[in-house]
C-alpha atoms as a PDB file:
ATOM      1  CA  UNK A   1      -2.770   4.027 -21.709  1.00  0.00           C
ATOM      2  CA  UNK A   2      -4.988   3.491 -18.657  1.00  0.00           C
ATOM      3  CA  UNK A   3      -5.463   6.029 -15.926  1.00  0.00           C
ATOM      4  CA  UNK A   4      -6.738   5.008 -12.735  1.00  0.00           C
ATOM      5  CA  UNK A   5      -8.509   7.742 -10.595  1.00  0.00           C
ATOM      6  CA  UNK A   6     -10.707   8.253  -7.466  1.00  0.00           C
ATOM      7  CA  UNK A   7     -13.875  10.032  -6.356  1.00  0.00           C
ATOM      8  CA  UNK A   8     -15.377  11.966  -5.082  1.00  0.00           C
ATOM      9  CA  UNK A   9     -15.093  15.120  -6.978  1.00  0.00           C
ATOM     10  CA  UNK A  10     -15.972  17.368  -3.844  1.00  0.00           C
ATOM     11  CA  UNK A  11     -12.661  16.454  -2.613  1.00  0.00           C
ATOM     12  CA  UNK A  12     -11.048  19.164  -4.611  1.00  0.00           C
ATOM     13  CA  UNK A  13     -11.034  22.374  -2.950  1.00  0.00           C
ATOM     14  CA  UNK A  14      -8.104  24.370  -4.780  1.00  0.00           C
ATOM     15  CA  UNK A  15      -4.823  24.020  -6.591  1.00  0.00           C
ATOM     16  CA  UNK A  16      -1.784  26.176  -5.836  1.00  0.00           C
ATOM     17  CA  UNK A  17       1.276  26.701  -8.037  1.00  0.00           C
ATOM     18  CA  UNK A  18       4.677  27.421  -6.304  1.00  0.00           C
ATOM     19  CA  UNK A  19       7.841  28.385  -8.269  1.00  0.00           C
ATOM     20  CA  UNK A  20      11.279  27.184  -7.298  1.00  0.00           C
ATOM     21  CA  UNK A  21      11.884  30.357  -5.253  1.00  0.00           C
ATOM     22  CA  UNK A  22       8.865  29.849  -2.851  1.00  0.00           C
ATOM     23  CA  UNK A  23       6.321  32.456  -4.044  1.00  0.00           C
ATOM     24  CA  UNK A  24       2.979  31.061  -4.872  1.00  0.00           C
ATOM     25  CA  UNK A  25      -0.441  31.683  -6.171  1.00  0.00           C
ATOM     26  CA  UNK A  26      -3.750  30.064  -5.732  1.00  0.00           C
ATOM     27  CA  UNK A  27      -6.117  28.784  -8.310  1.00  0.00           C
ATOM     28  CA  UNK A  28      -9.605  28.454  -7.020  1.00  0.00           C
ATOM     29  CA  UNK A  29     -11.906  25.776  -8.521  1.00  0.00           C
ATOM     30  CA  UNK A  30     -13.489  28.384 -10.689  1.00  0.00           C
ATOM     31  CA  UNK A  31     -10.196  29.027 -12.245  1.00  0.00           C
ATOM     32  CA  UNK A  32      -9.768  25.492 -13.754  1.00  0.00           C
ATOM     33  CA  UNK A  33      -9.722  24.910 -17.407  1.00  0.00           C
ATOM     34  CA  UNK A  34     -12.879  22.633 -17.031  1.00  0.00           C
ATOM     35  CA  UNK A  35     -14.890  21.878 -14.027  1.00  0.00           C
ATOM     36  CA  UNK A  36     -13.984  18.475 -12.600  1.00  0.00           C
ATOM     37  CA  UNK A  37     -15.824  15.773 -14.367  1.00  0.00           C
ATOM     38  CA  UNK A  38     -16.839  12.273 -13.112  1.00  0.00           C
ATOM     39  CA  UNK A  39     -15.899   9.093 -15.019  1.00  0.00           C
ATOM     40  CA  UNK A  40     -16.430   5.506 -14.249  1.00  0.00           C
ATOM     41  CA  UNK A  41     -13.072   5.371 -12.619  1.00  0.00           C
ATOM     42  CA  UNK A  42     -12.963   8.649 -10.779  1.00  0.00           C
ATOM     43  CA  UNK A  43     -12.290  12.285 -11.260  1.00  0.00           C
ATOM     44  CA  UNK A  44     -10.646  13.953 -14.129  1.00  0.00           C
ATOM     45  CA  UNK A  45      -9.115  17.531 -13.775  1.00  0.00           C
ATOM     46  CA  UNK A  46      -7.858  19.702 -16.304  1.00  0.00           C
ATOM     47  CA  UNK A  47      -5.512  22.624 -15.405  1.00  0.00           C
ATOM     48  CA  UNK A  48      -3.935  25.385 -17.660  1.00  0.00           C
ATOM     49  CA  UNK A  49      -0.118  25.234 -17.545  1.00  0.00           C
ATOM     50  CA  UNK A  50       0.928  28.278 -15.594  1.00  0.00           C
ATOM     51  CA  UNK A  51       4.756  27.766 -15.703  1.00  0.00           C
ATOM     52  CA  UNK A  52       7.557  25.522 -17.084  1.00  0.00           C
ATOM     53  CA  UNK A  53       8.755  24.322 -13.779  1.00  0.00           C
ATOM     54  CA  UNK A  54       5.819  24.419 -11.259  1.00  0.00           C
ATOM     55  CA  UNK A  55       5.087  22.765  -8.153  1.00  0.00           C
ATOM     56  CA  UNK A  56       1.421  22.153  -7.804  1.00  0.00           C
ATOM     57  CA  UNK A  57      -0.136  21.484  -4.311  1.00  0.00           C
ATOM     58  CA  UNK A  58      -3.894  20.041  -4.338  1.00  0.00           C
ATOM     59  CA  UNK A  59      -5.682  20.647  -0.999  1.00  0.00           C
ATOM     60  CA  UNK A  60      -8.103  17.730  -0.541  1.00  0.00           C
ATOM     61  CA  UNK A  61     -10.380  16.657   2.534  1.00  0.00           C
ATOM     62  CA  UNK A  62     -11.108  13.269   3.637  1.00  0.00           C
ATOM     63  CA  UNK A  63     -12.932  12.167   6.739  1.00  0.00           C
ATOM     64  CA  UNK A  64     -12.628  15.916   7.891  1.00  0.00           C
ATOM     65  CA  UNK A  65      -8.864  16.253   7.841  1.00  0.00           C
ATOM     66  CA  UNK A  66      -7.054  18.649   5.437  1.00  0.00           C
ATOM     67  CA  UNK A  67      -4.251  17.257   3.496  1.00  0.00           C
ATOM     68  CA  UNK A  68      -1.650  18.849   1.522  1.00  0.00           C
ATOM     69  CA  UNK A  69       0.051  17.233  -1.428  1.00  0.00           C
ATOM     70  CA  UNK A  70       2.908  18.797  -3.350  1.00  0.00           C
ATOM     71  CA  UNK A  71       3.924  17.559  -6.658  1.00  0.00           C
ATOM     72  CA  UNK A  72       6.721  18.785  -8.829  1.00  0.00           C
ATOM     73  CA  UNK A  73       6.302  18.212 -12.562  1.00  0.00           C
ATOM     74  CA  UNK A  74       9.175  18.216 -14.886  1.00  0.00           C
ATOM     75  CA  UNK A  75       8.161  19.626 -18.224  1.00  0.00           C
ATOM     76  CA  UNK A  76      11.115  18.801 -20.100  1.00  0.00           C
ATOM     77  CA  UNK A  77       9.250  16.872 -22.771  1.00  0.00           C
ATOM     78  CA  UNK A  78       5.883  17.277 -24.308  1.00  0.00           C
ATOM     79  CA  UNK A  79       3.426  14.303 -23.853  1.00  0.00           C
ATOM     80  CA  UNK A  80       5.710  12.831 -20.999  1.00  0.00           C
ATOM     81  CA  UNK A  81       4.196  10.474 -18.470  1.00  0.00           C
ATOM     82  CA  UNK A  82       5.158  10.760 -14.992  1.00  0.00           C
ATOM     83  CA  UNK A  83       4.120   8.769 -12.009  1.00  0.00           C
ATOM     84  CA  UNK A  84       4.267  10.112  -8.650  1.00  0.00           C
ATOM     85  CA  UNK A  85       3.444   8.179  -5.474  1.00  0.00           C
ATOM     86  CA  UNK A  86       3.131  10.949  -2.959  1.00  0.00           C
ATOM     87  CA  UNK A  87       2.114  11.017   0.683  1.00  0.00           C
ATOM     88  CA  UNK A  88      -1.524   9.452   0.919  1.00  0.00           C
ATOM     89  CA  UNK A  89      -2.387   9.962  -2.722  1.00  0.00           C
ATOM     90  CA  UNK A  90      -0.903   8.461  -5.840  1.00  0.00           C
ATOM     91  CA  UNK A  91      -0.784  11.153  -8.669  1.00  0.00           C
ATOM     92  CA  UNK A  92      -0.838  10.367 -12.189  1.00  0.00           C
ATOM     93  CA  UNK A  93      -0.044  13.190 -14.633  1.00  0.00           C
ATOM     94  CA  UNK A  94      -0.057  13.491 -18.573  1.00  0.00           C
ATOM     95  CA  UNK A  95       1.634  16.671 -19.485  1.00  0.00           C
ATOM     96  CA  UNK A  96       0.723  17.993 -23.000  1.00  0.00           C
ATOM     97  CA  UNK A  97       2.020  21.546 -23.900  1.00  0.00           C
ATOM     98  CA  UNK A  98      -0.294  24.053 -22.180  1.00  0.00           C
ATOM     99  CA  UNK A  99      -2.403  21.771 -20.191  1.00  0.00           C
ATOM    100  CA  UNK A 100      -1.878  19.580 -17.252  1.00  0.00           C
ATOM    101  CA  UNK A 101      -4.212  16.625 -16.625  1.00  0.00           C
ATOM    102  CA  UNK A 102      -4.348  15.523 -12.749  1.00  0.00           C
ATOM    103  CA  UNK A 103      -5.128  11.912 -12.086  1.00  0.00           C
ATOM    104  CA  UNK A 104      -5.292  11.596  -8.144  1.00  0.00           C
ATOM    105  CA  UNK A 105      -5.708   8.581  -6.099  1.00  0.00           C
ATOM    106  CA  UNK A 106      -6.341   7.692  -2.421  1.00  0.00           C
ATOM    107  CA  UNK A 107      -4.877   5.373   0.165  1.00  0.00           C
ATOM    108  CA  UNK A 108      -7.394   4.625   2.854  1.00  0.00           C
ATOM    109  CA  UNK A 109      -7.123   2.632   6.088  1.00  0.00           C
ATOM    110  CA  UNK A 110      -9.677   0.902   8.260  1.00  0.00           C
ATOM    111  CA  UNK A 111      -9.084  -0.623  11.871  1.00  0.00           C
ATOM    112  CA  UNK A 112     -10.976  -2.357  14.352  1.00  0.00           C
ATOM    113  CA  UNK A 113     -13.128  -3.688  11.744  1.00  0.00           C
ATOM    114  CA  UNK A 114     -15.437  -6.762  13.010  1.00  0.00           C
ATOM    115  CA  UNK A 115     -16.285  -9.472  10.589  1.00  0.00           C
ATOM    116  CA  UNK A 116     -19.614  -8.301   9.819  1.00  0.00           C
ATOM    117  CA  UNK A 117     -18.519  -4.933   8.625  1.00  0.00           C
ATOM    118  CA  UNK A 118     -15.504  -6.067   6.751  1.00  0.00           C
ATOM    119  CA  UNK A 119     -17.497  -6.624   3.379  1.00  0.00           C
ATOM    120  CA  UNK A 120     -19.129  -2.892   3.858  1.00  0.00           C
ATOM    121  CA  UNK A 121     -15.440  -1.297   3.902  1.00  0.00           C
ATOM    122  CA  UNK A 122     -14.100  -3.421   1.127  1.00  0.00           C
ATOM    123  CA  UNK A 123     -17.093  -2.756  -1.223  1.00  0.00           C
ATOM    124  CA  UNK A 124     -17.102   0.884  -0.666  1.00  0.00           C
ATOM    125  CA  UNK A 125     -13.325   1.165  -1.493  1.00  0.00           C
ATOM    126  CA  UNK A 126     -13.960  -1.059  -4.498  1.00  0.00           C
ATOM    127  CA  UNK A 127     -16.519   1.369  -5.668  1.00  0.00           C
ATOM    128  CA  UNK A 128     -13.895   4.347  -5.245  1.00  0.00           C
ATOM    129  CA  UNK A 129     -11.469   2.455  -7.333  1.00  0.00           C
ATOM    130  CA  UNK A 130      -9.404   0.983  -4.284  1.00  0.00           C
ATOM    131  CA  UNK A 131      -8.013  -2.316  -3.593  1.00  0.00           C
ATOM    132  CA  UNK A 132      -6.668  -4.069  -0.636  1.00  0.00           C
ATOM    133  CA  UNK A 133      -2.803  -3.476  -0.241  1.00  0.00           C
ATOM    134  CA  UNK A 134      -2.426  -4.924   3.232  1.00  0.00           C
ATOM    135  CA  UNK A 135      -4.275  -6.612   6.127  1.00  0.00           C
ATOM    136  CA  UNK A 136      -3.849  -7.532   9.562  1.00  0.00           C
ATOM    137  CA  UNK A 137      -5.597  -8.632  12.759  1.00  0.00           C
ATOM    138  CA  UNK A 138      -5.724  -7.789  16.430  1.00  0.00           C
ATOM    139  CA  UNK A 139      -8.100  -9.344  19.114  1.00  0.00           C
ATOM    140  CA  UNK A 140     -10.149 -10.646  16.281  1.00  0.00           C
ATOM    141  CA  UNK A 141     -10.734  -7.388  14.648  1.00  0.00           C
ATOM    142  CA  UNK A 142      -9.341  -6.510  11.280  1.00  0.00           C
ATOM    143  CA  UNK A 143      -7.152  -3.706   9.843  1.00  0.00           C
ATOM    144  CA  UNK A 144      -6.749  -3.022   6.047  1.00  0.00           C
ATOM    145  CA  UNK A 145      -5.246  -0.567   3.871  1.00  0.00           C
ATOM    146  CA  UNK A 146      -6.946   0.081   0.518  1.00  0.00           C
ATOM    147  CA  UNK A 147      -5.017   1.865  -2.266  1.00  0.00           C
ATOM    148  CA  UNK A 148      -5.766   2.808  -5.829  1.00  0.00           C
ATOM    149  CA  UNK A 149      -2.072   2.409  -6.873  1.00  0.00           C
ATOM    150  CA  UNK A 150      -1.736  -1.201  -6.445  1.00  0.00           C
ATOM    151  CA  UNK A 151      -1.410  -2.047 -10.040  1.00  0.00           C
ATOM    152  CA  UNK A 152      -3.785  -5.099  -9.563  1.00  0.00           C
ATOM    153  CA  UNK A 153      -6.479  -5.713 -12.150  1.00  0.00           C
ATOM    154  CA  UNK A 154      -8.966  -7.700 -10.315  1.00  0.00           C
ATOM    155  CA  UNK A 155      -9.260  -8.944  -6.647  1.00  0.00           C
ATOM    156  CA  UNK A 156     -11.031 -11.506  -4.318  1.00  0.00           C
ATOM    157  CA  UNK A 157     -10.969 -12.236  -0.687  1.00  0.00           C
ATOM    158  CA  UNK A 158     -12.057 -14.723   1.920  1.00  0.00           C
ATOM    159  CA  UNK A 159     -12.932 -14.510   5.463  1.00  0.00           C
ATOM    160  CA  UNK A 160     -12.512 -18.159   6.636  1.00  0.00           C
ATOM    161  CA  UNK A 161     -12.808 -19.760   9.893  1.00  0.00           C
ATOM    162  CA  UNK A 162      -9.714 -21.659   8.805  1.00  0.00           C
ATOM    163  CA  UNK A 163      -6.039 -20.737   8.755  1.00  0.00           C
ATOM    164  CA  UNK A 164      -5.546 -21.242   5.986  1.00  0.00           C
ATOM    165  CA  UNK A 165      -8.339 -22.569   3.711  1.00  0.00           C
ATOM    166  CA  UNK A 166      -6.372 -24.545   1.235  1.00  0.00           C
ATOM    167  CA  UNK A 167      -9.153 -25.392  -1.237  1.00  0.00           C
ATOM    168  CA  UNK A 168     -10.218 -21.783  -1.705  1.00  0.00           C
ATOM    169  CA  UNK A 169      -6.569 -20.802  -2.353  1.00  0.00           C
ATOM    170  CA  UNK A 170      -6.007 -23.609  -4.887  1.00  0.00           C
ATOM    171  CA  UNK A 171      -9.325 -22.555  -6.641  1.00  0.00           C
ATOM    172  CA  UNK A 172      -8.119 -19.074  -7.068  1.00  0.00           C
ATOM    173  CA  UNK A 173      -4.607 -20.193  -8.211  1.00  0.00           C
ATOM    174  CA  UNK A 174      -6.526 -22.067 -10.979  1.00  0.00           C
ATOM    175  CA  UNK A 175      -8.341 -18.704 -12.116  1.00  0.00           C
ATOM    176  CA  UNK A 176      -4.555 -16.948 -12.221  1.00  0.00           C
ATOM    177  CA  UNK A 177      -5.067 -15.088  -8.872  1.00  0.00           C
ATOM    178  CA  UNK A 178      -2.230 -14.777  -6.629  1.00  0.00           C
ATOM    179  CA  UNK A 179      -2.130 -14.225  -2.726  1.00  0.00           C
ATOM    180  CA  UNK A 180      -1.113 -10.412  -2.093  1.00  0.00           C
ATOM    181  CA  UNK A 181      -2.048 -10.195   1.525  1.00  0.00           C
ATOM    182  CA  UNK A 182      -3.083 -12.169   4.347  1.00  0.00           C
ATOM    183  CA  UNK A 183      -3.910 -12.027   8.109  1.00  0.00           C
ATOM    184  CA  UNK A 184      -4.810 -14.401  10.901  1.00  0.00           C
ATOM    185  CA  UNK A 185      -7.136 -13.773  14.143  1.00  0.00           C
ATOM    186  CA  UNK A 186      -6.318 -15.165  17.514  1.00  0.00           C
ATOM    187  CA  UNK A 187      -9.521 -17.419  17.030  1.00  0.00           C
ATOM    188  CA  UNK A 188      -7.908 -19.346  14.299  1.00  0.00           C
ATOM    189  CA  UNK A 189      -9.819 -17.299  11.512  1.00  0.00           C
ATOM    190  CA  UNK A 190      -8.020 -15.741   8.606  1.00  0.00           C
ATOM    191  CA  UNK A 191      -8.603 -13.239   5.794  1.00  0.00           C
ATOM    192  CA  UNK A 192      -6.787 -13.991   2.501  1.00  0.00           C
ATOM    193  CA  UNK A 193      -6.788 -11.549  -0.277  1.00  0.00           C
ATOM    194  CA  UNK A 194      -5.577 -12.703  -3.893  1.00  0.00           C
ATOM    195  CA  UNK A 195      -5.034 -10.604  -6.804  1.00  0.00           C
ATOM    196  CA  UNK A 196      -4.758 -10.367 -10.573  1.00  0.00           C
ATOM    197  CA  UNK A 197      -2.272  -8.339 -12.326  1.00  0.00           C
ATOM    198  CA  UNK A 198       0.654  -9.095 -10.229  1.00  0.00           C
ATOM    199  CA  UNK A 199       4.208 -10.017 -11.329  1.00  0.00           C
ATOM    200  CA  UNK A 200       4.059 -13.365  -9.796  1.00  0.00           C
ATOM    201  CA  UNK A 201       4.450 -16.582 -11.971  1.00  0.00           C
ATOM    202  CA  UNK A 202       4.135 -19.221  -9.060  1.00  0.00           C
ATOM    203  CA  UNK A 203       3.270 -19.454  -5.495  1.00  0.00           C
ATOM    204  CA  UNK A 204       3.669 -21.718  -2.284  1.00  0.00           C
ATOM    205  CA  UNK A 205       2.793 -21.399   1.246  1.00  0.00           C
ATOM    206  CA  UNK A 206       3.247 -23.082   4.449  1.00  0.00           C
ATOM    207  CA  UNK A 207       1.415 -23.247   7.781  1.00  0.00           C
ATOM    208  CA  UNK A 208       3.823 -24.205  10.824  1.00  0.00           C
ATOM    209  CA  UNK A 209       3.589 -24.293  14.622  1.00  0.00           C
ATOM    210  CA  UNK A 210       7.078 -22.457  14.524  1.00  0.00           C
ATOM    211  CA  UNK A 211       8.821 -20.114  11.965  1.00  0.00           C
ATOM    212  CA  UNK A 212       9.419 -22.394   9.221  1.00  0.00           C
ATOM    213  CA  UNK A 213      12.980 -20.983   8.409  1.00  0.00           C
ATOM    214  CA  UNK A 214      14.386 -24.196   6.902  1.00  0.00           C
ATOM    215  CA  UNK A 215      11.371 -24.288   4.472  1.00  0.00           C
ATOM    216  CA  UNK A 216      12.053 -20.623   3.575  1.00  0.00           C
ATOM    217  CA  UNK A 217      15.723 -21.244   2.854  1.00  0.00           C
ATOM    218  CA  UNK A 218      15.005 -24.187   0.700  1.00  0.00           C
ATOM    219  CA  UNK A 219      12.302 -22.001  -1.244  1.00  0.00           C
ATOM    220  CA  UNK A 220      15.004 -19.128  -1.515  1.00  0.00           C
ATOM    221  CA  UNK A 221      17.220 -21.735  -3.457  1.00  0.00           C
ATOM    222  CA  UNK A 222      14.175 -22.466  -5.935  1.00  0.00           C
ATOM    223  CA  UNK A 223      13.770 -18.810  -6.947  1.00  0.00           C
ATOM    224  CA  UNK A 224      11.052 -18.003  -4.541  1.00  0.00           C
ATOM    225  CA  UNK A 225      10.717 -14.940  -2.181  1.00  0.00           C
ATOM    226  CA  UNK A 226       8.626 -14.337   0.792  1.00  0.00           C
ATOM    227  CA  UNK A 227       5.810 -12.020  -0.351  1.00  0.00           C
ATOM    228  CA  UNK A 228       3.327 -12.403   2.809  1.00  0.00           C
ATOM    229  CA  UNK A 229       3.322 -13.373   6.157  1.00  0.00           C
ATOM    230  CA  UNK A 230       0.710 -13.826   9.002  1.00  0.00           C
ATOM    231  CA  UNK A 231       0.032 -15.428  12.308  1.00  0.00           C
ATOM    232  CA  UNK A 232      -3.011 -16.974  14.249  1.00  0.00           C
ATOM    233  CA  UNK A 233      -2.074 -17.714  17.754  1.00  0.00           C
ATOM    234  CA  UNK A 234       0.982 -19.406  17.743  1.00  0.00           C
ATOM    235  CA  UNK A 235       0.961 -20.584  14.176  1.00  0.00           C
ATOM    236  CA  UNK A 236       2.641 -18.948  11.102  1.00  0.00           C
ATOM    237  CA  UNK A 237       1.485 -18.790   7.682  1.00  0.00           C
ATOM    238  CA  UNK A 238       4.262 -17.835   5.001  1.00  0.00           C
ATOM    239  CA  UNK A 239       3.463 -16.934   1.303  1.00  0.00           C
ATOM    240  CA  UNK A 240       6.570 -17.459  -1.191  1.00  0.00           C
ATOM    241  CA  UNK A 241       6.347 -16.326  -4.921  1.00  0.00           C
ATOM    242  CA  UNK A 242       8.528 -16.694  -7.880  1.00  0.00           C
ATOM    243  CA  UNK A 243       9.104 -13.416  -9.779  1.00  0.00           C
ATOM    244  CA  UNK A 244       8.559 -11.334  -6.884  1.00  0.00           C
ATOM    245  CA  UNK A 245      11.014  -8.585  -8.095  1.00  0.00           C
ATOM    246  CA  UNK A 246      13.842  -8.982  -5.328  1.00  0.00           C
ATOM    247  CA  UNK A 247      17.266  -9.610  -5.947  1.00  0.00           C
ATOM    248  CA  UNK A 248      17.871 -10.603  -2.221  1.00  0.00           C
ATOM    249  CA  UNK A 249      16.073 -11.253   0.866  1.00  0.00           C
ATOM    250  CA  UNK A 250      16.803 -11.754   4.663  1.00  0.00           C
ATOM    251  CA  UNK A 251      14.725 -12.285   7.715  1.00  0.00           C
ATOM    252  CA  UNK A 252      15.036 -10.644  11.216  1.00  0.00           C
ATOM    253  CA  UNK A 253      13.519 -13.058  13.686  1.00  0.00           C
ATOM    254  CA  UNK A 254      13.642 -11.998  17.445  1.00  0.00           C
ATOM    255  CA  UNK A 255      11.663 -12.095  20.739  1.00  0.00           C
ATOM    256  CA  UNK A 256      11.601  -8.479  20.760  1.00  0.00           C
ATOM    257  CA  UNK A 257      11.359  -5.765  17.718  1.00  0.00           C
ATOM    258  CA  UNK A 258      14.974  -6.087  15.944  1.00  0.00           C
ATOM    259  CA  UNK A 259      15.677  -2.343  15.893  1.00  0.00           C
ATOM    260  CA  UNK A 260      19.349  -2.732  15.495  1.00  0.00           C
ATOM    261  CA  UNK A 261      19.096  -5.451  12.746  1.00  0.00           C
ATOM    262  CA  UNK A 262      16.493  -3.332  10.710  1.00  0.00           C
ATOM    263  CA  UNK A 263      18.672  -0.276  10.700  1.00  0.00           C
ATOM    264  CA  UNK A 264      21.920  -2.264   9.681  1.00  0.00           C
ATOM    265  CA  UNK A 265      19.810  -3.794   6.701  1.00  0.00           C
ATOM    266  CA  UNK A 266      18.402  -0.518   5.836  1.00  0.00           C
ATOM    267  CA  UNK A 267      21.879   0.936   5.426  1.00  0.00           C
ATOM    268  CA  UNK A 268      22.717  -2.016   3.092  1.00  0.00           C
ATOM    269  CA  UNK A 269      19.718  -1.409   0.878  1.00  0.00           C
ATOM    270  CA  UNK A 270      17.078  -3.559   2.112  1.00  0.00           C
ATOM    271  CA  UNK A 271      13.515  -2.464   2.800  1.00  0.00           C
ATOM    272  CA  UNK A 272      10.682  -4.342   4.829  1.00  0.00           C
ATOM    273  CA  UNK A 273       8.522  -6.135   2.333  1.00  0.00           C
ATOM    274  CA  UNK A 274       6.436  -8.130   4.865  1.00  0.00           C
ATOM    275  CA  UNK A 275       6.077  -8.707   8.621  1.00  0.00           C
ATOM    276  CA  UNK A 276       4.299 -10.790  11.027  1.00  0.00           C
ATOM    277  CA  UNK A 277       4.391 -11.512  14.862  1.00  0.00           C
ATOM    278  CA  UNK A 278       3.054 -13.934  17.450  1.00  0.00           C
ATOM    279  CA  UNK A 279       2.994 -12.781  21.239  1.00  0.00           C
ATOM    280  CA  UNK A 280       6.479 -14.037  21.781  1.00  0.00           C
ATOM    281  CA  UNK A 281       8.296 -13.499  18.508  1.00  0.00           C
ATOM    282  CA  UNK A 282       8.393 -11.240  15.582  1.00  0.00           C
ATOM    283  CA  UNK A 283       9.567 -11.506  11.914  1.00  0.00           C
ATOM    284  CA  UNK A 284      10.453  -9.034   9.564  1.00  0.00           C
ATOM    285  CA  UNK A 285      11.322  -9.755   5.902  1.00  0.00           C
ATOM    286  CA  UNK A 286      13.570  -7.445   4.403  1.00  0.00           C
ATOM    287  CA  UNK A 287      14.125  -7.545   0.672  1.00  0.00           C
ATOM    288  CA  UNK A 288      16.504  -5.866  -2.033  1.00  0.00           C
ATOM    289  CA  UNK A 289      14.398  -4.765  -5.077  1.00  0.00           C
ATOM    290  CA  UNK A 290      15.890  -5.684  -8.449  1.00  0.00           C
ATOM    291  CA  UNK A 291      14.750  -2.214  -9.684  1.00  0.00           C
ATOM    292  CA  UNK A 292      15.770   0.720  -7.446  1.00  0.00           C
ATOM    293  CA  UNK A 293      12.832   2.673  -6.030  1.00  0.00           C
ATOM    294  CA  UNK A 294      12.438   6.234  -6.819  1.00  0.00           C
ATOM    295  CA  UNK A 295      11.952   7.075  -2.793  1.00  0.00           C
ATOM    296  CA  UNK A 296      13.802   4.465  -0.663  1.00  0.00           C
ATOM    297  CA  UNK A 297      12.639   6.359   2.627  1.00  0.00           C
ATOM    298  CA  UNK A 298      11.089   3.911   5.162  1.00  0.00           C
ATOM    299  CA  UNK A 299      10.110   4.386   8.896  1.00  0.00           C
ATOM    300  CA  UNK A 300       8.502   1.998  11.545  1.00  0.00           C
ATOM    301  CA  UNK A 301       6.560   2.820  14.437  1.00  0.00           C
ATOM    302  CA  UNK A 302       5.754   0.868  17.615  1.00  0.00           C
ATOM    303  CA  UNK A 303       2.834   2.026  19.405  1.00  0.00           C
ATOM    304  CA  UNK A 304      -0.024   0.367  21.720  1.00  0.00           C
ATOM    305  CA  UNK A 305      -2.864   1.918  19.979  1.00  0.00           C
ATOM    306  CA  UNK A 306      -3.559   2.607  16.156  1.00  0.00           C
ATOM    307  CA  UNK A 307      -1.422   5.724  15.239  1.00  0.00           C
ATOM    308  CA  UNK A 308      -4.004   7.705  13.333  1.00  0.00           C
ATOM    309  CA  UNK A 309      -2.460  11.050  14.376  1.00  0.00           C
ATOM    310  CA  UNK A 310       0.952   9.867  13.548  1.00  0.00           C
ATOM    311  CA  UNK A 311      -0.084   8.557  10.289  1.00  0.00           C
ATOM    312  CA  UNK A 312      -1.553  11.955   9.281  1.00  0.00           C
ATOM    313  CA  UNK A 313       1.581  13.677  10.481  1.00  0.00           C
ATOM    314  CA  UNK A 314       3.906  11.573   8.305  1.00  0.00           C
ATOM    315  CA  UNK A 315       1.536  12.350   5.170  1.00  0.00           C
ATOM    316  CA  UNK A 316       2.930  15.714   5.529  1.00  0.00           C
ATOM    317  CA  UNK A 317       6.580  14.314   5.425  1.00  0.00           C
ATOM    318  CA  UNK A 318       6.055  12.296   2.035  1.00  0.00           C
ATOM    319  CA  UNK A 319       5.517   9.050   3.908  1.00  0.00           C
ATOM    320  CA  UNK A 320       2.225   6.940   3.568  1.00  0.00           C
ATOM    321  CA  UNK A 321       0.898   3.914   5.382  1.00  0.00           C
ATOM    322  CA  UNK A 322       2.299   0.659   3.744  1.00  0.00           C
ATOM    323  CA  UNK A 323       1.889  -2.065   6.083  1.00  0.00           C
ATOM    324  CA  UNK A 324       0.698  -2.940   9.621  1.00  0.00           C
ATOM    325  CA  UNK A 325       1.474  -5.699  11.871  1.00  0.00           C
ATOM    326  CA  UNK A 326       0.038  -6.486  15.538  1.00  0.00           C
ATOM    327  CA  UNK A 327       1.980  -8.498  18.151  1.00  0.00           C
ATOM    328  CA  UNK A 328       3.115  -8.100  21.849  1.00  0.00           C
ATOM    329  CA  UNK A 329       3.049  -4.631  23.351  1.00  0.00           C
ATOM    330  CA  UNK A 330       6.291  -3.560  25.019  1.00  0.00           C
ATOM    331  CA  UNK A 331       6.351  -0.693  27.306  1.00  0.00           C
END
């Protein structure tokens, strides 16, 4: 069993334990069973088991901000493996009688990234065990989310002056890479990310001057689902995949943000899985997953500037940044 973890070690400040009745005690780093050790993939922390039903809180610092992360371990079975995706971090934990092994992962975002600095941010994230989960573009600058819990095993990307670069995409398909995110800029360039380790078995994409609803409907009947969308100026780029893990899919297409339609779909078990917008139209793809997710909570936010403060506030409410889309600003 492979555990993927992240660096750096100095992000760990303390560990707190809290019982179901709300009282808590603090474990400083000096009270750990072992000093956190560095591995090629990140940080390994071993902690003594304090109670049989304990809530652990790891206080970590990233970019000067202190984040609180509460995880509840259910010690019903020895050697049980539990996956928890919580706030801005993903936690893997292996419980073995008297010890708890914590493996913690980071979700990182960048925005207003110029072409020349894109590789620097991606390379640094890769060194820390992070891969790209979402990309977007505004005013010919890039935004990206990097996550250590994507499940991808390898990843390549191309920043191209074309929307989209067919030859490069087909070459990567031959190498068993699949498109996992893409974005287009107003100058016609594109950023395409392709990954290994996905569940996809086949992909198809289309670039169109208008939203290609008829093509999407045809592909739905062939067993494909939309997995990525992007725009470049007035053009749309739609990626559809077989074995995407969805049992049903619908699109909300509107000249404004389709708030009423989204909430109606949420009530019926749909969740936003991709989105894109031009200056006069927005499209949100909502899907029903074949496997019911552990946490079904989803929120959207409309803002005229990148919502850094809002994202951090949501971390405290167990929500993390999943996708970004730029479109027309409506006051």
